[in-house]
Amino acid sequence: MAPSTATIKLLNTKTRKKEVFVPLDPQNVRMYVCGPTVYDRAHLGNARPVVVFDVLYRLLRETYGADHVTYARNFTDVDDKINATALARKEAGAPGTLEELVHERSDETISWYLNDMGELGVLEPNHMPRATEYIAQMITMIQELIAKGHAYAAEGHVLFAVDSWREGYGKLSGRSVDDMIAGARVEVAPYKKNPMDFVLWKPSTDDLPGWDSPWGRGRPGWHIECSAMSLELLGETFDIHGGGNDLMFPHHENEIAQSCCAHGDDSFAQVWLHNEMLQVEGKKMSKSLGNFFTVRDLLDQGIPGEVIRFVFLSTHYRKPMDWTEKKAKEARQALEKFYSVLMVPGMYAKPGSRSVYLDSKIYPPDQEIVNALADDLNTAKALARLHEMLKENAPDVGSKIVGSLVLLGLLNKDTDIDRLSRPAGAILEEDRVDLSIHETRLFDARQAAMQSKDFSEVDRLKAAYLAAGLEVRMSKSGVELVPGAGFDVTKLEGL
């Protein structure tokens, strides 16, 4: 399928204007999005930027060709909450060093995250770097900042000197340094030259993970991570940097400062995109209000990932999004109508089943839907166009609906149409597979490994269960195996 000819326009946070997107290199369009800190399950608000930038990724692939788009989204696996969980496990008798337990916890939560986002139809980026894999690059960048007079070492810390780049600091968020000092809640420390100076490196105690550096054993500050990883994977200058608007300050502001100062010019990301936040039934999501839930909570309640994604797409990414039960019900009903088009035996549906087989090269999307997405990701307009198409009688309307659903991430080869026609909480026949024998086997293997210190059998079983499409949840009290979207029970037969 030939690339689309749509002209993409995006509202650039940095300029406050909607601009025609002109990539630095059409043969290598590059995008970086700040990913999660992997200490627990992704809540519904965490999922919004993932879906927003997945739509943009799909649009860029549609426009420039899949082989000409590079998308990087990181995992922050250096964090006090991860350390606390690992330390608690160690104190409870879990084998391994603290660093190994930190890595185990990160592996666990990254697996959860990828499974949950996969249920929402999210494509995996080309690169998913973990911060702990780029410590050397972070140290190198910090050394460059010190050498150029933009950072200084003090009491085992290294801090970025905001005064060294006062003319550029604050442009993204539209604030002056003086205003930020007056209104910001920043850590006041005796070793800071300016209250706004932020940490690039900080010391680690012996009971915490750390790495050797010219400034002593320590770990990186949050902001330097994304600057080092984007430089390594995308270069000094790339096309698009995205994330939630809660990251605009201080995270993205600090990224710009340290990257531009390290590079020696005003380059870095050309376009900045920020999505608005999420609410639940008109209120901010919070545990105190009892309206806090994870993506997995909704999936376990029987709400299909396609329904969650549809609700997200119903609101423009730059507007606050309100999750409501009414919207979820309406989304399910709308998807049932769209999917009814697919039930043409031998064309889109597998004979004798309600599953779909797809070849995206055969089903190009509707051009009006492509144009809607190209207009600053107007997903609501794209969905409205889908409703219009249901009323049309053109001979190719079915294939265009299929191609459009694929482009929007609402349809893939694993989509199970029947899930939408069942009430929330209904159980699939294939979900009735008794996994208890496998859960017991893995738990027993882990108990034995804790005594022998040989975890090879545990690793073998975990790899096999993950390959079968199961999510592995392990704790000292037991093991739970949860079928994911691609669960294939036949892959368990060999075990």
Protein backbone atom coordinates (compact mmCIF):
# COMPACT_ATOMS: atom_id res chain seq x y z
CA MET A 1 0.00 0.00 0.00
CA ALA A 2 1.38 3.37 -1.02
CA PRO A 3 1.95 5.93 1.76
CA SER A 4 -0.83 8.46 2.35
CA THR A 5 -0.60 11.94 0.85
CA ALA A 6 -2.22 13.64 3.85
CA THR A 7 -0.65 16.85 5.15
CA ILE A 8 -0.13 16.43 8.88
CA LYS A 9 -0.71 19.46 11.10
CA LEU A 10 0.14 19.35 14.81
CA LEU A 11 -0.23 21.89 17.60
CA ASN A 12 3.33 22.49 18.75
CA THR A 13 3.38 23.22 22.49
CA LYS A 14 6.63 25.11 22.08
CA THR A 15 5.19 27.64 19.58
CA ARG A 16 1.53 27.47 20.70
CA LYS A 17 0.60 27.13 17.01
CA LYS A 18 -0.79 24.44 14.77
CA GLU A 19 1.97 23.83 12.25
CA VAL A 20 2.42 21.73 9.13
CA PHE A 21 4.61 18.84 10.17
CA VAL A 22 7.79 18.73 8.08
CA PRO A 23 10.11 15.93 9.21
CA LEU A 24 13.83 16.49 9.36
CA ASP A 25 14.23 13.41 7.18
CA PRO A 26 11.12 11.84 5.55
CA GLN A 27 13.08 8.59 5.30
CA ASN A 28 13.62 8.53 9.06
CA VAL A 29 10.82 10.22 11.01
CA ARG A 30 11.69 10.02 14.72
CA MET A 31 9.48 10.32 17.82
CA TYR A 32 10.24 9.99 21.53
CA VAL A 33 7.56 9.68 24.21
CA CYS A 34 8.15 9.56 27.96
CA GLY A 35 7.11 6.17 29.23
CA PRO A 36 6.11 4.86 32.67
CA THR A 37 7.98 4.49 35.91
CA VAL A 38 7.53 0.76 36.38
CA TYR A 39 6.69 0.34 40.04
CA ASP A 40 3.08 -0.88 39.75
CA ARG A 41 0.13 -1.43 37.43
CA ALA A 42 -0.68 1.28 34.88
CA HIS A 43 -3.79 3.19 35.93
CA LEU A 44 -6.27 4.51 33.41
CA GLY A 45 -4.65 7.95 33.31
CA ASN A 46 -1.27 6.37 32.47
CA ALA A 47 -2.87 4.76 29.42
CA ARG A 48 -4.10 7.95 27.80
CA PRO A 49 -0.76 9.22 26.42
CA VAL A 50 0.08 5.68 25.32
CA VAL A 51 -3.05 5.54 23.15
CA VAL A 52 -2.67 9.14 21.93
CA PHE A 53 0.85 8.62 20.67
CA ASP A 54 0.02 5.18 19.33
CA VAL A 55 -2.50 6.92 17.04
CA LEU A 56 0.20 9.38 15.95
CA TYR A 57 2.64 6.52 15.39
CA ARG A 58 0.09 4.77 13.19
CA LEU A 59 -0.57 7.98 11.27
CA LEU A 60 3.14 8.56 10.67
CA ARG A 61 3.52 4.98 9.44
CA GLU A 62 0.52 5.45 7.16
CA THR A 63 1.97 8.69 5.79
CA TYR A 64 5.68 7.92 5.46
CA GLY A 65 5.73 4.13 5.44
CA ALA A 66 6.28 1.80 8.39
CA ASP A 67 9.96 1.35 7.58
CA HIS A 68 10.59 5.10 7.74
CA VAL A 69 9.30 5.82 11.26
CA THR A 70 11.25 5.24 14.48
CA TYR A 71 9.40 5.44 17.77
CA ALA A 72 11.10 5.24 21.18
CA ARG A 73 9.26 5.08 24.51
CA ASN A 74 11.28 4.47 27.65
CA PHE A 75 10.85 2.63 30.92
CA THR A 76 12.07 4.40 34.05
CA ASP A 77 13.36 1.58 36.22
CA VAL A 78 15.40 3.72 38.61
CA ASP A 79 12.94 4.83 41.28
CA ASP A 80 12.52 4.92 45.05
CA LYS A 81 9.20 3.01 44.91
CA ILE A 82 10.81 0.16 42.95
CA ASN A 83 13.65 0.14 45.47
CA ALA A 84 11.18 0.02 48.36
CA THR A 85 9.32 -2.97 46.91
CA ALA A 86 12.58 -4.82 46.24
CA LEU A 87 13.84 -4.05 49.75
CA ALA A 88 10.59 -5.37 51.27
CA ARG A 89 10.96 -8.59 49.28
CA LYS A 90 14.56 -8.98 50.40
CA GLU A 91 13.57 -8.48 54.04
CA ALA A 92 10.86 -11.12 53.54
CA GLY A 93 13.52 -13.62 52.54
CA ALA A 94 13.51 -13.42 48.75
CA PRO A 95 16.81 -14.70 47.28
CA GLY A 96 19.16 -12.51 45.30
CA THR A 97 20.86 -9.17 45.71
CA LEU A 98 18.87 -5.96 45.99
CA GLU A 99 19.86 -5.06 42.42
CA GLU A 100 18.56 -8.44 41.21
CA LEU A 101 15.29 -7.96 43.08
CA VAL A 102 14.93 -4.47 41.62
CA HIS A 103 15.41 -5.96 38.16
CA GLU A 104 12.89 -8.71 38.95
CA ARG A 105 10.31 -6.14 40.04
CA SER A 106 10.92 -4.07 36.91
CA ASP A 107 10.59 -7.16 34.69
CA GLU A 108 7.31 -7.97 36.41
CA THR A 109 5.76 -4.53 35.99
CA ILE A 110 7.06 -4.08 32.44
CA SER A 111 5.38 -7.38 31.52
CA TRP A 112 2.13 -6.15 33.07
CA TYR A 113 2.40 -2.86 31.25
CA LEU A 114 3.02 -4.35 27.81
CA ASN A 115 0.21 -6.88 28.22
CA ASP A 116 -2.27 -4.23 29.38
CA MET A 117 -1.35 -1.77 26.64
CA GLY A 118 -1.48 -4.58 24.09
CA GLU A 119 -5.08 -5.20 25.13
CA LEU A 120 -5.77 -1.56 24.17
CA GLY A 121 -4.49 -2.20 20.65
CA VAL A 122 -1.21 -0.36 21.22
CA LEU A 123 1.68 -1.19 18.89
CA GLU A 124 5.01 -1.73 20.59
CA PRO A 125 7.51 1.05 19.74
CA ASN A 126 10.69 0.33 17.79
CA HIS A 127 12.73 1.02 20.93
CA MET A 128 11.73 0.52 24.58
CA PRO A 129 14.90 1.46 26.49
CA ARG A 130 15.25 0.90 30.20
CA ALA A 131 17.01 3.66 32.10
CA THR A 132 19.33 1.19 33.84
CA GLU A 133 20.73 0.17 30.45
CA TYR A 134 21.92 3.72 29.66
CA ILE A 135 23.73 4.77 32.83
CA ALA A 136 27.04 5.14 30.98
CA GLN A 137 25.47 7.50 28.45
CA MET A 138 23.95 9.56 31.27
CA ILE A 139 27.31 9.88 33.00
CA THR A 140 28.91 10.99 29.73
CA MET A 141 26.26 13.66 29.18
CA ILE A 142 26.65 14.94 32.74
CA GLN A 143 30.41 15.20 32.24
CA GLU A 144 29.83 17.24 29.08
CA LEU A 145 27.49 19.60 30.93
CA ILE A 146 30.07 20.14 33.68
CA ALA A 147 32.84 20.74 31.12
CA LYS A 148 30.71 23.36 29.36
CA GLY A 149 29.85 25.19 32.58
CA HIS A 150 26.20 24.13 32.71
CA ALA A 151 26.46 21.80 35.71
CA TYR A 152 28.42 21.53 38.94
CA ALA A 153 29.24 18.87 41.52
CA ALA A 154 28.38 19.44 45.18
CA GLU A 155 28.36 17.05 48.12
CA GLY A 156 28.08 13.92 45.98
CA HIS A 157 25.40 15.48 43.81
CA VAL A 158 25.64 16.98 40.34
CA LEU A 159 23.18 19.75 39.54
CA PHE A 160 22.23 21.58 36.39
CA ALA A 161 22.90 25.32 36.71
CA VAL A 162 19.71 26.99 35.50
CA ASP A 163 21.41 30.41 35.47
CA SER A 164 23.79 29.12 32.79
CA TRP A 165 20.86 28.86 30.35
CA ARG A 166 18.53 31.50 31.73
CA GLU A 167 17.56 32.82 28.28
CA GLY A 168 16.13 29.44 27.20
CA TYR A 169 14.78 27.98 30.42
CA GLY A 170 11.00 28.20 30.68
CA LYS A 171 10.14 28.72 27.00
CA LEU A 172 8.22 25.44 26.69
CA SER A 173 6.00 26.08 29.71
CA GLY A 174 5.88 29.83 29.15
CA ARG A 175 7.37 30.81 32.50
CA SER A 176 10.27 33.00 33.51
CA VAL A 177 12.89 31.74 35.93
CA ASP A 178 11.97 34.46 38.42
CA ASP A 179 8.30 33.48 38.31
CA MET A 180 9.22 29.82 38.74
CA ILE A 181 11.39 30.57 41.77
CA ALA A 182 8.58 32.60 43.33
CA GLY A 183 5.88 29.99 42.81
CA ALA A 184 7.62 26.64 42.64
CA ARG A 185 7.86 23.99 45.31
CA VAL A 186 11.48 23.02 44.89
CA GLU A 187 13.91 21.28 47.16
CA VAL A 188 15.94 23.85 49.09
CA ALA A 189 19.40 22.44 49.70
CA PRO A 190 22.55 24.17 50.91
CA TYR A 191 24.56 22.81 47.99
CA LYS A 192 22.31 24.47 45.37
CA LYS A 193 23.50 27.72 43.80
CA ASN A 194 19.96 28.51 42.65
CA PRO A 195 16.73 27.03 44.09
CA MET A 196 15.70 25.99 40.54
CA ASP A 197 18.87 23.97 39.91
CA PHE A 198 17.87 20.35 39.42
CA VAL A 199 19.60 17.05 40.11
CA LEU A 200 21.51 15.21 37.39
CA TRP A 201 23.18 12.73 39.74
CA LYS A 202 22.65 11.89 43.41
CA PRO A 203 24.46 9.65 45.87
CA SER A 204 23.22 6.16 46.77
CA THR A 205 23.60 4.58 50.16
CA ASP A 206 24.99 1.06 50.47
CA ASP A 207 21.49 -0.41 50.84
CA LEU A 208 20.24 1.12 47.55
CA PRO A 209 21.07 0.37 43.91
CA GLY A 210 23.86 2.53 42.56
CA TRP A 211 26.57 2.87 39.95
CA ASP A 212 30.14 4.08 40.11
CA SER A 213 30.73 7.55 38.70
CA PRO A 214 33.31 10.37 38.87
CA TRP A 215 31.21 11.85 41.70
CA GLY A 216 30.96 8.67 43.75
CA ARG A 217 28.53 5.79 43.85
CA GLY A 218 25.07 7.02 42.98
CA ARG A 219 22.19 7.04 40.53
CA PRO A 220 20.85 9.47 37.92
CA GLY A 221 18.19 12.11 38.38
CA TRP A 222 14.94 11.54 36.51
CA HIS A 223 15.34 14.21 33.83
CA ILE A 224 18.75 13.18 32.50
CA GLU A 225 17.44 9.71 31.67
CA CYS A 226 15.25 10.75 28.73
CA SER A 227 17.87 13.15 27.36
CA ALA A 228 20.53 10.41 27.28
CA MET A 229 18.24 7.75 25.84
CA SER A 230 16.75 9.95 23.11
CA LEU A 231 20.27 11.07 22.11
CA GLU A 232 21.49 7.50 21.86
CA LEU A 233 18.48 6.20 19.92
CA LEU A 234 17.30 9.18 17.84
CA GLY A 235 20.24 11.60 17.68
CA GLU A 236 20.79 15.17 18.89
CA THR A 237 17.79 16.44 16.94
CA PHE A 238 14.61 14.55 16.18
CA ASP A 239 11.07 15.32 15.08
CA ILE A 240 8.53 14.83 17.85
CA HIS A 241 8.65 14.61 21.65
CA GLY A 242 5.46 13.78 23.49
CA GLY A 243 3.91 13.07 26.87
CA GLY A 244 1.18 14.15 29.24
CA ASN A 245 0.91 17.85 30.04
CA ASP A 246 1.83 17.07 33.65
CA LEU A 247 5.36 16.45 32.32
CA MET A 248 5.70 19.85 30.62
CA PHE A 249 7.23 21.29 33.78
CA PRO A 250 9.61 20.41 35.17
CA HIS A 251 10.48 17.22 33.27
CA HIS A 252 10.31 18.39 29.67
CA GLU A 253 11.62 21.85 30.50
CA ASN A 254 14.64 20.26 32.13
CA GLU A 255 15.13 17.84 29.26
CA ILE A 256 15.34 20.74 26.83
CA ALA A 257 17.79 22.65 29.01
CA GLN A 258 20.25 19.83 29.55
CA SER A 259 20.02 18.49 25.97
CA CYS A 260 20.46 21.85 24.27
CA CYS A 261 23.34 22.76 26.57
CA ALA A 262 25.04 19.40 26.03
CA HIS A 263 24.63 19.70 22.24
CA GLY A 264 25.80 23.32 22.19
CA ASP A 265 22.82 24.69 20.26
CA ASP A 266 19.05 25.15 20.43
CA SER A 267 18.28 21.86 18.72
CA PHE A 268 16.50 18.90 20.28
CA ALA A 269 12.88 18.00 19.54
CA GLN A 270 11.29 20.08 16.77
CA VAL A 271 7.66 19.50 17.80
CA TRP A 272 6.33 19.06 21.33
CA LEU A 273 2.93 17.46 21.91
CA HIS A 274 1.12 17.16 25.23
CA ASN A 275 -2.14 15.41 26.01
CA GLU A 276 -4.57 16.58 28.67
CA MET A 277 -5.41 14.61 31.79
CA LEU A 278 -8.14 12.10 32.53
CA GLN A 279 -11.12 12.30 34.87
CA VAL A 280 -13.60 9.69 36.10
CA GLU A 281 -17.28 10.60 36.13
CA GLY A 282 -16.33 14.29 36.09
CA LYS A 283 -13.85 14.11 38.98
CA LYS A 284 -10.08 13.82 39.22
CA MET A 285 -9.11 10.19 39.61
CA SER A 286 -7.77 9.55 43.12
CA LYS A 287 -7.69 6.77 45.67
CA SER A 288 -9.26 9.05 48.28
CA LEU A 289 -12.38 9.47 46.11
CA GLY A 290 -12.62 5.75 45.45
CA ASN A 291 -12.51 6.25 41.68
CA PHE A 292 -8.96 5.08 41.10
CA PHE A 293 -8.54 1.99 38.95
CA THR A 294 -6.05 0.38 36.67
CA VAL A 295 -6.41 -0.71 33.07
CA ARG A 296 -6.27 -4.30 34.32
CA ASP A 297 -9.18 -3.61 36.69
CA LEU A 298 -11.38 -2.69 33.72
CA LEU A 299 -10.17 -5.62 31.61
CA ASP A 300 -10.84 -8.04 34.46
CA GLN A 301 -14.35 -6.62 34.74
CA GLY A 302 -14.95 -7.78 31.17
CA ILE A 303 -14.60 -4.40 29.45
CA PRO A 304 -12.72 -5.12 26.19
CA GLY A 305 -9.61 -3.12 25.41
CA GLU A 306 -11.22 -1.91 22.18
CA VAL A 307 -13.98 -0.29 24.24
CA ILE A 308 -11.48 1.49 26.48
CA ARG A 309 -9.57 2.70 23.42
CA PHE A 310 -12.77 3.88 21.71
CA VAL A 311 -13.68 6.00 24.76
CA PHE A 312 -10.22 7.55 24.68
CA LEU A 313 -10.50 8.35 20.96
CA SER A 314 -13.90 10.00 21.45
CA THR A 315 -12.22 13.04 23.04
CA HIS A 316 -9.52 15.17 21.41
CA TYR A 317 -6.15 14.57 23.04
CA ARG A 318 -5.76 18.24 24.06
CA LYS A 319 -9.04 18.23 26.01
CA PRO A 320 -9.63 16.67 29.44
CA MET A 321 -11.10 13.20 28.98
CA ASP A 322 -13.89 11.95 31.21
CA TRP A 323 -14.26 8.20 31.66
CA THR A 324 -17.85 7.26 32.44
CA GLU A 325 -19.83 4.04 32.47
CA LYS A 326 -22.25 5.63 29.98
CA LYS A 327 -19.42 6.31 27.52
CA ALA A 328 -18.15 2.75 27.87
CA LYS A 329 -21.63 1.38 27.12
CA GLU A 330 -22.00 3.66 24.08
CA ALA A 331 -18.56 2.67 22.85
CA ARG A 332 -19.44 -1.01 23.04
CA GLN A 333 -22.64 -0.41 21.05
CA ALA A 334 -20.80 1.61 18.39
CA LEU A 335 -18.11 -1.04 17.98
CA GLU A 336 -20.76 -3.74 17.59
CA LYS A 337 -22.12 -1.81 14.60
CA PHE A 338 -18.70 -1.32 13.03
CA TYR A 339 -17.74 -4.95 13.53
CA SER A 340 -21.00 -6.17 11.99
CA VAL A 341 -19.52 -5.11 8.65
CA LEU A 342 -16.75 -7.67 9.12
CA MET A 343 -19.00 -10.70 9.26
CA VAL A 344 -18.84 -11.46 5.55
CA PRO A 345 -17.93 -15.17 5.34
CA GLY A 346 -14.66 -15.77 3.54
CA MET A 347 -13.91 -12.07 3.20
CA TYR A 348 -13.04 -10.68 6.62
CA ALA A 349 -14.24 -13.44 8.94
CA LYS A 350 -12.60 -16.80 9.29
CA PRO A 351 -15.04 -19.48 8.05
CA GLY A 352 -17.10 -20.86 10.91
CA SER A 353 -15.86 -18.33 13.45
CA ARG A 354 -16.35 -14.82 14.71
CA SER A 355 -12.65 -14.00 14.60
CA VAL A 356 -11.18 -11.71 11.98
CA TYR A 357 -8.26 -12.25 9.67
CA LEU A 358 -6.59 -9.20 8.26
CA ASP A 359 -4.13 -8.14 5.61
CA SER A 360 -3.70 -4.38 6.02
CA LYS A 361 -2.18 -4.13 2.55
CA ILE A 362 -5.55 -5.08 1.09
CA TYR A 363 -7.67 -2.69 3.12
CA PRO A 364 -6.60 0.96 2.80
CA PRO A 365 -8.31 3.34 5.24
CA ASP A 366 -10.86 5.94 4.23
CA GLN A 367 -9.07 9.13 3.15
CA GLU A 368 -11.40 11.37 5.17
CA ILE A 369 -10.44 9.48 8.31
CA VAL A 370 -6.77 9.85 7.46
CA ASN A 371 -7.36 13.59 6.92
CA ALA A 372 -9.12 13.88 10.30
CA LEU A 373 -6.17 12.28 12.07
CA ALA A 374 -3.76 14.46 10.10
CA ASP A 375 -5.56 17.52 11.50
CA ASP A 376 -3.89 17.45 14.92
CA LEU A 377 -5.17 13.94 15.66
CA ASN A 378 -8.88 14.73 15.46
CA THR A 379 -9.96 11.26 16.53
CA ALA A 380 -13.51 12.35 17.38
CA LYS A 381 -13.99 13.49 13.78
CA ALA A 382 -12.56 10.20 12.54
CA LEU A 383 -15.08 8.23 14.62
CA ALA A 384 -17.90 10.43 13.33
CA ARG A 385 -16.81 9.60 9.78
CA LEU A 386 -16.96 5.88 10.62
CA HIS A 387 -20.61 6.31 11.64
CA GLU A 388 -21.30 8.05 8.30
CA MET A 389 -19.70 5.21 6.37
CA LEU A 390 -22.14 2.70 7.86
CA LYS A 391 -24.92 4.45 5.90
CA GLU A 392 -23.11 4.36 2.56
CA ASN A 393 -23.71 1.77 -0.14
CA ALA A 394 -20.44 2.05 -2.05
CA PRO A 395 -19.04 -1.37 -3.02
CA ASP A 396 -15.73 -0.76 -1.23
CA VAL A 397 -17.15 0.77 1.95
CA GLY A 398 -16.69 -2.46 3.91
CA SER A 399 -12.99 -2.72 3.13
CA LYS A 400 -12.51 0.98 3.93
CA ILE A 401 -14.19 0.53 7.30
CA VAL A 402 -11.86 -2.40 7.98
CA GLY A 403 -8.79 -0.37 6.96
CA SER A 404 -9.94 2.59 9.04
CA LEU A 405 -10.53 0.46 12.13
CA VAL A 406 -7.02 -0.96 11.73
CA LEU A 407 -5.54 2.55 11.38
CA LEU A 408 -7.36 3.68 14.53
CA GLY A 409 -6.10 0.64 16.43
CA LEU A 410 -9.64 -0.66 16.97
CA LEU A 411 -9.12 -3.84 14.99
CA ASN A 412 -6.25 -6.29 14.73
CA LYS A 413 -5.79 -9.93 13.87
CA ASP A 414 -6.52 -10.98 17.46
CA THR A 415 -9.76 -9.01 17.79
CA ASP A 416 -12.55 -11.24 19.08
CA ILE A 417 -15.87 -9.84 17.86
CA ASP A 418 -17.87 -11.92 20.32
CA ARG A 419 -16.39 -10.13 23.31
CA LEU A 420 -18.44 -7.06 22.48
CA SER A 421 -21.75 -8.90 22.33
CA ARG A 422 -21.31 -10.41 25.80
CA PRO A 423 -22.18 -8.47 28.95
CA ALA A 424 -19.28 -7.20 31.03
CA GLY A 425 -17.96 -9.96 33.26
CA ALA A 426 -19.06 -12.82 30.99
CA ILE A 427 -16.54 -15.64 30.69
CA LEU A 428 -15.21 -16.94 27.40
CA GLU A 429 -15.11 -20.71 26.88
CA GLU A 430 -11.36 -20.47 26.33
CA ASP A 431 -11.05 -18.50 29.57
CA ARG A 432 -12.29 -21.61 31.44
CA VAL A 433 -9.00 -23.40 30.89
CA ASP A 434 -7.82 -24.70 34.26
CA LEU A 435 -4.44 -23.10 34.84
CA SER A 436 -4.16 -24.17 38.47
CA ILE A 437 -1.85 -27.10 37.68
CA HIS A 438 0.56 -24.73 35.95
CA GLU A 439 0.30 -22.17 38.77
CA THR A 440 1.11 -24.89 41.32
CA ARG A 441 3.98 -26.18 39.22
CA LEU A 442 5.60 -22.75 38.91
CA PHE A 443 5.06 -21.99 42.60
CA ASP A 444 6.65 -25.30 43.63
CA ALA A 445 9.56 -24.68 41.25
CA ARG A 446 10.12 -21.26 42.79
CA GLN A 447 10.00 -22.66 46.33
CA ALA A 448 12.58 -25.30 45.39
CA ALA A 449 14.77 -22.70 43.68
CA MET A 450 14.80 -20.53 46.78
CA GLN A 451 16.43 -23.44 48.60
CA SER A 452 18.79 -24.60 45.84
CA LYS A 453 19.54 -21.09 44.43
CA ASP A 454 19.08 -22.61 40.95
CA PHE A 455 16.34 -20.69 39.17
CA SER A 456 16.80 -22.25 35.72
CA GLU A 457 13.54 -24.25 35.92
CA VAL A 458 11.62 -21.18 37.11
CA ASP A 459 12.99 -19.16 34.23
CA ARG A 460 12.15 -21.93 31.76
CA LEU A 461 8.54 -22.18 32.92
CA LYS A 462 8.06 -18.41 33.02
CA ALA A 463 9.37 -18.10 29.47
CA ALA A 464 7.03 -20.85 28.28
CA TYR A 465 3.98 -19.30 29.94
CA LEU A 466 4.79 -15.86 28.56
CA ALA A 467 5.23 -17.37 25.07
CA ALA A 468 1.77 -18.92 25.39
CA GLY A 469 0.28 -15.46 26.04
CA LEU A 470 -0.09 -15.76 29.79
CA GLU A 471 0.73 -13.00 32.21
CA VAL A 472 2.77 -14.31 35.13
CA ARG A 473 2.03 -12.79 38.54
CA MET A 474 4.30 -14.13 41.27
CA SER A 475 4.39 -13.36 44.97
CA LYS A 476 5.55 -15.14 48.09
CA SER A 477 1.98 -16.35 48.67
CA GLY A 478 1.42 -17.92 45.26
CA VAL A 479 1.39 -17.71 41.47
CA GLU A 480 -1.39 -16.45 39.22
CA LEU A 481 -1.45 -17.02 35.44
CA VAL A 482 -3.74 -14.65 33.55
CA PRO A 483 -4.61 -15.18 29.85
CA GLY A 484 -3.77 -12.20 27.64
CA ALA A 485 -5.20 -11.21 24.24
CA GLY A 486 -2.99 -13.69 22.37
CA PHE A 487 -3.36 -16.64 24.76
CA ASP A 488 -2.86 -19.96 22.95
CA VAL A 489 -3.75 -22.93 25.14
CA THR A 490 -2.13 -25.35 22.66
CA LYS A 491 1.28 -23.97 23.61
CA LEU A 492 0.82 -25.38 27.09
CA GLU A 493 0.46 -28.96 25.86
CA GLY A 494 4.22 -29.51 25.71
CA LEU A 495 4.49 -28.63 29.40
